[in-house]
Amino acid sequence: MQLIDKTTKYLGYFTALVLVVLVLLVVYDATIRYFFSSGSIALQELEWHLFDVIILFGIAYTLKHSSHVRVDVFYTSFSEKTKRVINIISSLFFIIPFSILIIYISIDFVLLSYEQNEVSSNPGGLEYRFLVKSLLPLSFVFLILQAISHLSLDWKSKS
């Protein structure tokens, strides 16, 4: 489980680096657009693709640090044992099955994009759209691994 947690940690570092690149790119794009009346469709699409990386790879990192969305109003008042039971149930019956479903559905989505050599519909847009689409199943693989790590930790603590 340490390997999973370490992988998720470095995935979070990578995501933070991508966020810095995205901020710099947005500043550059806005500067070029407003001061020089110029711009690039490809750069704007790259911004969206980097945003995809941040969101999709940030999911597992957020779960690792228990910063994911839940009803904290109730959760914070529960005992540690109840919290562990809720975490186990949510991992087994929600996170993992939902992630498997997303992976199953998205693989055909990625393969179709690859087979069609899908490109941006905008003139001057980015090519190889399947690359960004492939982040979808990959990110949910990372989420499953992190859920298993959390599940293992909660299960050991239960005993």
N, C-alpha and C. Protein backbone atom coordinates (compact mmCIF):
# COMPACT_ATOMS: atom_id res chain seq x y z
N MET A 1 0.81 -1.19 0.00
CA MET A 1 0.00 0.00 0.00
C MET A 1 0.86 1.26 0.00
N GLN A 2 2.08 1.13 0.49
CA GLN A 2 2.98 2.29 0.48
C GLN A 2 3.31 2.71 -0.94
N LEU A 3 3.42 1.74 -1.85
CA LEU A 3 3.70 2.06 -3.26
C LEU A 3 2.54 2.87 -3.86
N ILE A 4 1.32 2.48 -3.53
CA ILE A 4 0.16 3.22 -4.03
C ILE A 4 0.17 4.64 -3.49
N ASP A 5 0.39 4.77 -2.18
CA ASP A 5 0.39 6.11 -1.58
C ASP A 5 1.53 6.97 -2.13
N LYS A 6 2.67 6.35 -2.36
CA LYS A 6 3.81 7.10 -2.91
C LYS A 6 3.51 7.53 -4.35
N THR A 7 2.92 6.62 -5.12
CA THR A 7 2.54 6.95 -6.50
C THR A 7 1.54 8.11 -6.52
N THR A 8 0.56 8.04 -5.64
CA THR A 8 -0.44 9.11 -5.56
C THR A 8 0.20 10.42 -5.13
N LYS A 9 1.14 10.35 -4.22
CA LYS A 9 1.84 11.56 -3.78
C LYS A 9 2.56 12.22 -4.95
N TYR A 10 3.29 11.44 -5.73
CA TYR A 10 4.00 12.00 -6.87
C TYR A 10 3.04 12.44 -7.98
N LEU A 11 1.92 11.76 -8.09
CA LEU A 11 0.89 12.20 -9.03
C LEU A 11 0.37 13.57 -8.62
N GLY A 12 0.22 13.79 -7.33
CA GLY A 12 -0.19 15.09 -6.83
C GLY A 12 0.86 16.16 -7.11
N TYR A 13 2.14 15.81 -6.95
CA TYR A 13 3.22 16.76 -7.27
C TYR A 13 3.21 17.11 -8.76
N PHE A 14 3.01 16.09 -9.59
CA PHE A 14 2.93 16.32 -11.03
C PHE A 14 1.76 17.24 -11.35
N THR A 15 0.62 16.99 -10.71
CA THR A 15 -0.57 17.82 -10.93
C THR A 15 -0.31 19.26 -10.52
N ALA A 16 0.40 19.46 -9.42
CA ALA A 16 0.74 20.82 -8.98
C ALA A 16 1.64 21.50 -10.00
N LEU A 17 2.57 20.76 -10.57
CA LEU A 17 3.43 21.31 -11.61
C LEU A 17 2.63 21.70 -12.85
N VAL A 18 1.68 20.86 -13.22
CA VAL A 18 0.81 21.16 -14.36
C VAL A 18 -0.01 22.42 -14.07
N LEU A 19 -0.43 22.58 -12.82
CA LEU A 19 -1.18 23.78 -12.44
C LEU A 19 -0.34 25.04 -12.63
N VAL A 20 0.93 24.98 -12.25
CA VAL A 20 1.83 26.12 -12.45
C VAL A 20 1.97 26.43 -13.94
N VAL A 21 2.15 25.39 -14.74
CA VAL A 21 2.26 25.58 -16.19
C VAL A 21 0.97 26.20 -16.74
N LEU A 22 -0.18 25.72 -16.26
CA LEU A 22 -1.46 26.26 -16.71
C LEU A 22 -1.58 27.75 -16.36
N VAL A 23 -1.21 28.12 -15.16
CA VAL A 23 -1.29 29.53 -14.76
C VAL A 23 -0.41 30.40 -15.66
N LEU A 24 0.81 29.94 -15.89
CA LEU A 24 1.72 30.69 -16.76
C LEU A 24 1.18 30.80 -18.18
N LEU A 25 0.61 29.72 -18.66
CA LEU A 25 0.04 29.71 -20.01
C LEU A 25 -1.16 30.66 -20.12
N VAL A 26 -2.00 30.69 -19.11
CA VAL A 26 -3.16 31.60 -19.13
C VAL A 26 -2.69 33.05 -19.08
N VAL A 27 -1.69 33.34 -18.26
CA VAL A 27 -1.16 34.70 -18.20
C VAL A 27 -0.58 35.09 -19.56
N TYR A 28 0.18 34.20 -20.15
CA TYR A 28 0.76 34.47 -21.47
C TYR A 28 -0.33 34.69 -22.51
N ASP A 29 -1.31 33.80 -22.52
CA ASP A 29 -2.40 33.88 -23.51
C ASP A 29 -3.19 35.18 -23.35
N ALA A 30 -3.51 35.53 -22.11
CA ALA A 30 -4.27 36.77 -21.88
C ALA A 30 -3.45 38.00 -22.26
N THR A 31 -2.17 37.98 -21.97
CA THR A 31 -1.29 39.10 -22.32
C THR A 31 -1.22 39.28 -23.83
N ILE A 32 -1.00 38.20 -24.53
CA ILE A 32 -0.91 38.25 -25.99
C ILE A 32 -2.24 38.71 -26.60
N ARG A 33 -3.33 38.20 -26.05
CA ARG A 33 -4.63 38.52 -26.61
C ARG A 33 -5.01 39.98 -26.39
N TYR A 34 -4.80 40.49 -25.17
CA TYR A 34 -5.30 41.84 -24.85
C TYR A 34 -4.32 42.96 -25.19
N PHE A 35 -3.04 42.67 -25.13
CA PHE A 35 -2.07 43.72 -25.44
C PHE A 35 -1.60 43.72 -26.89
N PHE A 36 -1.64 42.56 -27.52
CA PHE A 36 -1.13 42.47 -28.89
C PHE A 36 -2.19 42.01 -29.89
N SER A 37 -3.41 41.89 -29.45
CA SER A 37 -4.53 41.46 -30.31
C SER A 37 -4.19 40.23 -31.13
N SER A 38 -3.58 39.28 -30.48
CA SER A 38 -3.19 38.03 -31.13
C SER A 38 -3.61 36.89 -30.22
N GLY A 39 -3.57 35.71 -30.74
CA GLY A 39 -3.92 34.56 -29.92
C GLY A 39 -3.76 33.27 -30.69
N SER A 40 -3.94 32.20 -29.99
CA SER A 40 -3.76 30.89 -30.60
C SER A 40 -4.86 29.95 -30.11
N ILE A 41 -5.55 29.36 -31.04
CA ILE A 41 -6.57 28.36 -30.70
C ILE A 41 -5.90 27.18 -30.00
N ALA A 42 -4.75 26.77 -30.50
CA ALA A 42 -4.04 25.63 -29.91
C ALA A 42 -3.68 25.89 -28.45
N LEU A 43 -3.24 27.10 -28.14
CA LEU A 43 -2.90 27.42 -26.75
C LEU A 43 -4.15 27.38 -25.86
N GLN A 44 -5.25 27.89 -26.37
CA GLN A 44 -6.48 27.86 -25.58
C GLN A 44 -6.94 26.42 -25.35
N GLU A 45 -6.81 25.58 -26.35
CA GLU A 45 -7.17 24.17 -26.17
C GLU A 45 -6.21 23.48 -25.21
N LEU A 46 -4.94 23.84 -25.29
CA LEU A 46 -3.96 23.28 -24.36
C LEU A 46 -4.32 23.64 -22.93
N GLU A 47 -4.82 24.84 -22.71
CA GLU A 47 -5.26 25.24 -21.38
C GLU A 47 -6.34 24.29 -20.87
N TRP A 48 -7.31 23.97 -21.73
CA TRP A 48 -8.37 23.06 -21.33
C TRP A 48 -7.83 21.66 -21.07
N HIS A 49 -6.88 21.23 -21.88
CA HIS A 49 -6.30 19.90 -21.68
C HIS A 49 -5.51 19.84 -20.37
N LEU A 50 -4.79 20.88 -20.05
CA LEU A 50 -4.06 20.92 -18.78
C LEU A 50 -5.03 20.95 -17.60
N PHE A 51 -6.13 21.66 -17.77
CA PHE A 51 -7.17 21.66 -16.75
C PHE A 51 -7.71 20.25 -16.54
N ASP A 52 -7.89 19.50 -17.64
CA ASP A 52 -8.32 18.10 -17.54
C ASP A 52 -7.34 17.28 -16.72
N VAL A 53 -6.05 17.46 -16.98
CA VAL A 53 -5.02 16.74 -16.23
C VAL A 53 -5.15 17.04 -14.75
N ILE A 54 -5.30 18.31 -14.42
CA ILE A 54 -5.39 18.72 -13.01
C ILE A 54 -6.59 18.09 -12.33
N ILE A 55 -7.73 18.15 -12.96
CA ILE A 55 -8.95 17.59 -12.36
C ILE A 55 -8.86 16.07 -12.25
N LEU A 56 -8.51 15.42 -13.35
CA LEU A 56 -8.53 13.96 -13.36
C LEU A 56 -7.45 13.34 -12.47
N PHE A 57 -6.26 13.88 -12.49
CA PHE A 57 -5.20 13.32 -11.66
C PHE A 57 -5.29 13.80 -10.21
N GLY A 58 -6.02 14.88 -10.00
CA GLY A 58 -6.20 15.37 -8.64
C GLY A 58 -7.19 14.56 -7.83
N ILE A 59 -8.00 13.75 -8.49
CA ILE A 59 -9.02 12.98 -7.79
C ILE A 59 -8.40 12.01 -6.78
N ALA A 60 -7.44 11.22 -7.21
CA ALA A 60 -6.81 10.23 -6.32
C ALA A 60 -6.05 10.93 -5.19
N TYR A 61 -5.36 12.02 -5.53
CA TYR A 61 -4.61 12.77 -4.52
C TYR A 61 -5.55 13.34 -3.46
N THR A 62 -6.70 13.81 -3.90
CA THR A 62 -7.69 14.35 -2.97
C THR A 62 -8.21 13.27 -2.05
N LEU A 63 -8.46 12.08 -2.59
CA LEU A 63 -8.91 10.97 -1.75
C LEU A 63 -7.83 10.58 -0.74
N LYS A 64 -6.59 10.57 -1.18
CA LYS A 64 -5.47 10.22 -0.30
C LYS A 64 -5.44 11.11 0.94
N HIS A 65 -5.73 12.37 0.76
CA HIS A 65 -5.66 13.33 1.86
C HIS A 65 -7.04 13.60 2.48
N SER A 66 -8.01 12.75 2.16
CA SER A 66 -9.38 12.86 2.69
C SER A 66 -9.95 14.26 2.52
N SER A 67 -9.69 14.85 1.38
CA SER A 67 -10.20 16.19 1.07
C SER A 67 -11.34 16.12 0.08
N HIS A 68 -11.84 14.93 -0.19
CA HIS A 68 -12.91 14.76 -1.16
C HIS A 68 -14.24 15.23 -0.58
N VAL A 69 -15.22 15.33 -1.43
CA VAL A 69 -16.53 15.84 -1.04
C VAL A 69 -17.27 14.77 -0.24
N ARG A 70 -17.77 15.17 0.88
CA ARG A 70 -18.67 14.35 1.67
C ARG A 70 -19.44 15.30 2.59
N VAL A 71 -20.41 14.79 3.27
CA VAL A 71 -21.21 15.64 4.13
C VAL A 71 -20.49 15.75 5.48
N ASP A 72 -19.54 16.68 5.56
CA ASP A 72 -18.73 16.83 6.76
C ASP A 72 -19.52 17.29 7.98
N VAL A 73 -20.67 17.88 7.76
CA VAL A 73 -21.49 18.32 8.89
C VAL A 73 -21.80 17.14 9.79
N PHE A 74 -22.10 15.99 9.19
CA PHE A 74 -22.40 14.79 9.98
C PHE A 74 -21.13 14.01 10.29
N TYR A 75 -20.27 13.87 9.29
CA TYR A 75 -19.08 13.01 9.38
C TYR A 75 -18.18 13.41 10.55
N THR A 76 -17.98 14.70 10.76
CA THR A 76 -17.06 15.16 11.81
C THR A 76 -17.55 14.79 13.20
N SER A 77 -18.84 14.62 13.38
CA SER A 77 -19.36 14.29 14.71
C SER A 77 -19.37 12.78 14.99
N PHE A 78 -19.06 11.97 13.98
CA PHE A 78 -19.06 10.52 14.17
C PHE A 78 -17.80 10.06 14.90
N SER A 79 -17.90 8.91 15.53
CA SER A 79 -16.74 8.30 16.18
C SER A 79 -15.78 7.79 15.11
N GLU A 80 -14.56 7.52 15.52
CA GLU A 80 -13.55 7.02 14.56
C GLU A 80 -13.99 5.69 13.96
N LYS A 81 -14.61 4.84 14.77
CA LYS A 81 -15.08 3.54 14.29
C LYS A 81 -16.16 3.73 13.21
N THR A 82 -17.09 4.63 13.45
CA THR A 82 -18.15 4.90 12.48
C THR A 82 -17.58 5.49 11.20
N LYS A 83 -16.60 6.38 11.34
CA LYS A 83 -15.95 6.95 10.16
C LYS A 83 -15.29 5.87 9.32
N ARG A 84 -14.61 4.93 9.99
CA ARG A 84 -13.96 3.84 9.26
C ARG A 84 -14.99 2.97 8.52
N VAL A 85 -16.11 2.68 9.19
CA VAL A 85 -17.16 1.88 8.55
C VAL A 85 -17.72 2.62 7.32
N ILE A 86 -17.96 3.91 7.47
CA ILE A 86 -18.45 4.71 6.34
C ILE A 86 -17.43 4.71 5.21
N ASN A 87 -16.16 4.86 5.53
CA ASN A 87 -15.10 4.85 4.50
C ASN A 87 -15.04 3.50 3.78
N ILE A 88 -15.15 2.42 4.53
CA ILE A 88 -15.12 1.08 3.93
C ILE A 88 -16.31 0.88 3.00
N ILE A 89 -17.50 1.23 3.49
CA ILE A 89 -18.71 1.08 2.66
C ILE A 89 -18.64 1.95 1.42
N SER A 90 -18.20 3.19 1.58
CA SER A 90 -18.14 4.09 0.41
C SER A 90 -17.11 3.62 -0.61
N SER A 91 -15.99 3.07 -0.13
CA SER A 91 -14.99 2.54 -1.07
C SER A 91 -15.52 1.31 -1.80
N LEU A 92 -16.09 0.38 -1.04
CA LEU A 92 -16.54 -0.89 -1.63
C LEU A 92 -17.76 -0.74 -2.54
N PHE A 93 -18.68 0.13 -2.16
CA PHE A 93 -19.96 0.18 -2.87
C PHE A 93 -20.15 1.41 -3.75
N PHE A 94 -19.26 2.37 -3.63
CA PHE A 94 -19.42 3.58 -4.45
C PHE A 94 -18.17 3.88 -5.28
N ILE A 95 -17.05 4.13 -4.63
CA ILE A 95 -15.86 4.58 -5.36
C ILE A 95 -15.36 3.52 -6.34
N ILE A 96 -15.13 2.33 -5.87
CA ILE A 96 -14.56 1.28 -6.73
C ILE A 96 -15.52 0.87 -7.85
N PRO A 97 -16.79 0.55 -7.55
CA PRO A 97 -17.70 0.18 -8.67
C PRO A 97 -17.90 1.31 -9.68
N PHE A 98 -18.06 2.54 -9.19
CA PHE A 98 -18.23 3.67 -10.10
C PHE A 98 -17.00 3.85 -10.97
N SER A 99 -15.83 3.70 -10.37
CA SER A 99 -14.58 3.84 -11.13
C SER A 99 -14.45 2.75 -12.19
N ILE A 100 -14.80 1.53 -11.84
CA ILE A 100 -14.76 0.43 -12.80
C ILE A 100 -15.71 0.72 -13.97
N LEU A 101 -16.89 1.24 -13.66
CA LEU A 101 -17.85 1.59 -14.71
C LEU A 101 -17.29 2.67 -15.63
N ILE A 102 -16.69 3.70 -15.06
CA ILE A 102 -16.10 4.78 -15.86
C ILE A 102 -14.98 4.23 -16.75
N ILE A 103 -14.14 3.38 -16.20
CA ILE A 103 -13.05 2.78 -17.00
C ILE A 103 -13.64 1.96 -18.14
N TYR A 104 -14.61 1.14 -17.83
CA TYR A 104 -15.22 0.27 -18.84
C TYR A 104 -15.83 1.09 -19.98
N ILE A 105 -16.55 2.13 -19.63
CA ILE A 105 -17.19 2.96 -20.66
C ILE A 105 -16.18 3.78 -21.44
N SER A 106 -15.19 4.31 -20.75
CA SER A 106 -14.27 5.25 -21.39
C SER A 106 -13.23 4.59 -22.29
N ILE A 107 -12.98 3.32 -22.12
CA ILE A 107 -11.98 2.65 -22.98
C ILE A 107 -12.43 2.68 -24.44
N ASP A 108 -13.69 2.37 -24.71
CA ASP A 108 -14.20 2.45 -26.08
C ASP A 108 -14.16 3.88 -26.60
N PHE A 109 -14.44 4.82 -25.73
CA PHE A 109 -14.40 6.24 -26.05
C PHE A 109 -12.99 6.64 -26.53
N VAL A 110 -11.97 6.17 -25.82
CA VAL A 110 -10.58 6.47 -26.17
C VAL A 110 -10.18 5.74 -27.45
N LEU A 111 -10.54 4.47 -27.55
CA LEU A 111 -10.18 3.68 -28.73
C LEU A 111 -10.80 4.25 -30.01
N LEU A 112 -12.04 4.67 -29.92
CA LEU A 112 -12.70 5.28 -31.07
C LEU A 112 -11.98 6.56 -31.49
N SER A 113 -11.61 7.35 -30.52
CA SER A 113 -10.88 8.59 -30.81
C SER A 113 -9.54 8.28 -31.48
N TYR A 114 -8.87 7.25 -30.99
CA TYR A 114 -7.58 6.84 -31.57
C TYR A 114 -7.75 6.32 -32.99
N GLU A 115 -8.73 5.45 -33.18
CA GLU A 115 -8.95 4.86 -34.50
C GLU A 115 -9.34 5.91 -35.55
N GLN A 116 -10.07 6.91 -35.12
CA GLN A 116 -10.49 7.97 -36.04
C GLN A 116 -9.43 9.05 -36.18
N ASN A 117 -8.35 8.91 -35.42
CA ASN A 117 -7.30 9.94 -35.38
C ASN A 117 -7.95 11.32 -35.14
N GLU A 118 -8.77 11.37 -34.10
CA GLU A 118 -9.57 12.55 -33.81
C GLU A 118 -8.69 13.77 -33.54
N VAL A 119 -9.07 14.87 -34.15
CA VAL A 119 -8.38 16.14 -33.96
C VAL A 119 -9.41 17.19 -33.56
N SER A 120 -8.93 18.34 -33.19
CA SER A 120 -9.82 19.43 -32.83
C SER A 120 -10.66 19.85 -34.02
N SER A 121 -11.89 20.22 -33.75
CA SER A 121 -12.76 20.71 -34.83
C SER A 121 -12.46 22.17 -35.16
N ASN A 122 -11.65 22.81 -34.34
CA ASN A 122 -11.29 24.22 -34.57
C ASN A 122 -10.07 24.31 -35.49
N PRO A 123 -10.09 25.23 -36.43
CA PRO A 123 -8.90 25.41 -37.26
C PRO A 123 -7.73 25.89 -36.40
N GLY A 124 -6.60 25.24 -36.55
CA GLY A 124 -5.44 25.59 -35.74
C GLY A 124 -5.45 24.94 -34.37
N GLY A 125 -6.40 24.02 -34.14
CA GLY A 125 -6.51 23.35 -32.85
C GLY A 125 -5.52 22.20 -32.73
N LEU A 126 -5.57 21.55 -31.61
CA LEU A 126 -4.62 20.47 -31.32
C LEU A 126 -5.03 19.16 -31.99
N GLU A 127 -4.02 18.37 -32.28
CA GLU A 127 -4.25 17.02 -32.82
C GLU A 127 -4.17 16.02 -31.67
N TYR A 128 -4.32 14.75 -32.01
CA TYR A 128 -4.17 13.64 -31.06
C TYR A 128 -5.09 13.79 -29.85
N ARG A 129 -6.34 14.03 -30.11
CA ARG A 129 -7.32 14.21 -29.04
C ARG A 129 -7.42 12.98 -28.14
N PHE A 130 -7.07 11.81 -28.69
CA PHE A 130 -7.15 10.58 -27.89
C PHE A 130 -6.22 10.62 -26.69
N LEU A 131 -5.15 11.40 -26.76
CA LEU A 131 -4.22 11.47 -25.63
C LEU A 131 -4.90 12.05 -24.38
N VAL A 132 -5.61 13.13 -24.56
CA VAL A 132 -6.28 13.72 -23.40
C VAL A 132 -7.47 12.86 -22.97
N LYS A 133 -8.11 12.19 -23.92
CA LYS A 133 -9.22 11.31 -23.56
C LYS A 133 -8.73 10.08 -22.80
N SER A 134 -7.51 9.66 -23.05
CA SER A 134 -6.97 8.49 -22.36
C SER A 134 -6.70 8.77 -20.88
N LEU A 135 -6.69 10.03 -20.50
CA LEU A 135 -6.52 10.37 -19.08
C LEU A 135 -7.72 9.92 -18.25
N LEU A 136 -8.88 9.83 -18.87
CA LEU A 136 -10.09 9.46 -18.15
C LEU A 136 -9.98 8.06 -17.52
N PRO A 137 -9.76 7.00 -18.30
CA PRO A 137 -9.64 5.69 -17.65
C PRO A 137 -8.40 5.60 -16.75
N LEU A 138 -7.32 6.24 -17.16
CA LEU A 138 -6.10 6.19 -16.35
C LEU A 138 -6.31 6.82 -14.98
N SER A 139 -6.99 7.95 -14.94
CA SER A 139 -7.21 8.62 -13.66
C SER A 139 -8.09 7.78 -12.73
N PHE A 140 -9.03 7.04 -13.30
CA PHE A 140 -9.88 6.21 -12.46
C PHE A 140 -9.18 4.93 -12.02
N VAL A 141 -8.17 4.50 -12.75
CA VAL A 141 -7.31 3.41 -12.26
C VAL A 141 -6.57 3.89 -11.01
N PHE A 142 -6.02 5.10 -11.08
CA PHE A 142 -5.35 5.68 -9.91
C PHE A 142 -6.32 5.83 -8.74
N LEU A 143 -7.55 6.21 -9.03
CA LEU A 143 -8.55 6.36 -7.97
C LEU A 143 -8.86 5.01 -7.32
N ILE A 144 -9.00 3.98 -8.12
CA ILE A 144 -9.25 2.63 -7.56
C ILE A 144 -8.09 2.21 -6.67
N LEU A 145 -6.88 2.41 -7.15
CA LEU A 145 -5.71 2.03 -6.35
C LEU A 145 -5.69 2.78 -5.02
N GLN A 146 -5.98 4.08 -5.05
CA GLN A 146 -5.98 4.85 -3.81
C GLN A 146 -7.13 4.42 -2.90
N ALA A 147 -8.27 4.08 -3.49
CA ALA A 147 -9.40 3.59 -2.68
C ALA A 147 -9.04 2.27 -2.01
N ILE A 148 -8.32 1.42 -2.72
CA ILE A 148 -7.87 0.15 -2.13
C ILE A 148 -6.91 0.42 -0.98
N SER A 149 -6.01 1.36 -1.17
CA SER A 149 -5.09 1.72 -0.10
C SER A 149 -5.84 2.24 1.13
N HIS A 150 -6.81 3.10 0.91
CA HIS A 150 -7.62 3.63 2.01
C HIS A 150 -8.43 2.51 2.67
N LEU A 151 -8.97 1.65 1.84
CA LEU A 151 -9.76 0.53 2.34
C LEU A 151 -8.90 -0.36 3.23
N SER A 152 -7.70 -0.64 2.79
CA SER A 152 -6.77 -1.46 3.57
C SER A 152 -6.45 -0.80 4.91
N LEU A 153 -6.20 0.48 4.88
CA LEU A 153 -5.88 1.21 6.11
C LEU A 153 -7.07 1.21 7.07
N ASP A 154 -8.26 1.47 6.55
CA ASP A 154 -9.45 1.49 7.40
C ASP A 154 -9.76 0.09 7.92
N TRP A 155 -9.54 -0.93 7.11
CA TRP A 155 -9.81 -2.30 7.53
C TRP A 155 -8.86 -2.72 8.66
N LYS A 156 -7.58 -2.37 8.52
CA LYS A 156 -6.59 -2.70 9.56
C LYS A 156 -6.90 -1.95 10.85
N SER A 157 -7.34 -0.71 10.72
CA SER A 157 -7.67 0.09 11.91
C SER A 157 -8.90 -0.44 12.61
N LYS A 158 -9.78 -1.08 11.86
CA LYS A 158 -11.02 -1.64 12.40
C LYS A 158 -10.73 -2.78 13.36
N SER A 159 -9.70 -3.53 13.04
CA SER A 159 -9.39 -4.73 13.83
C SER A 159 -8.79 -4.41 15.17
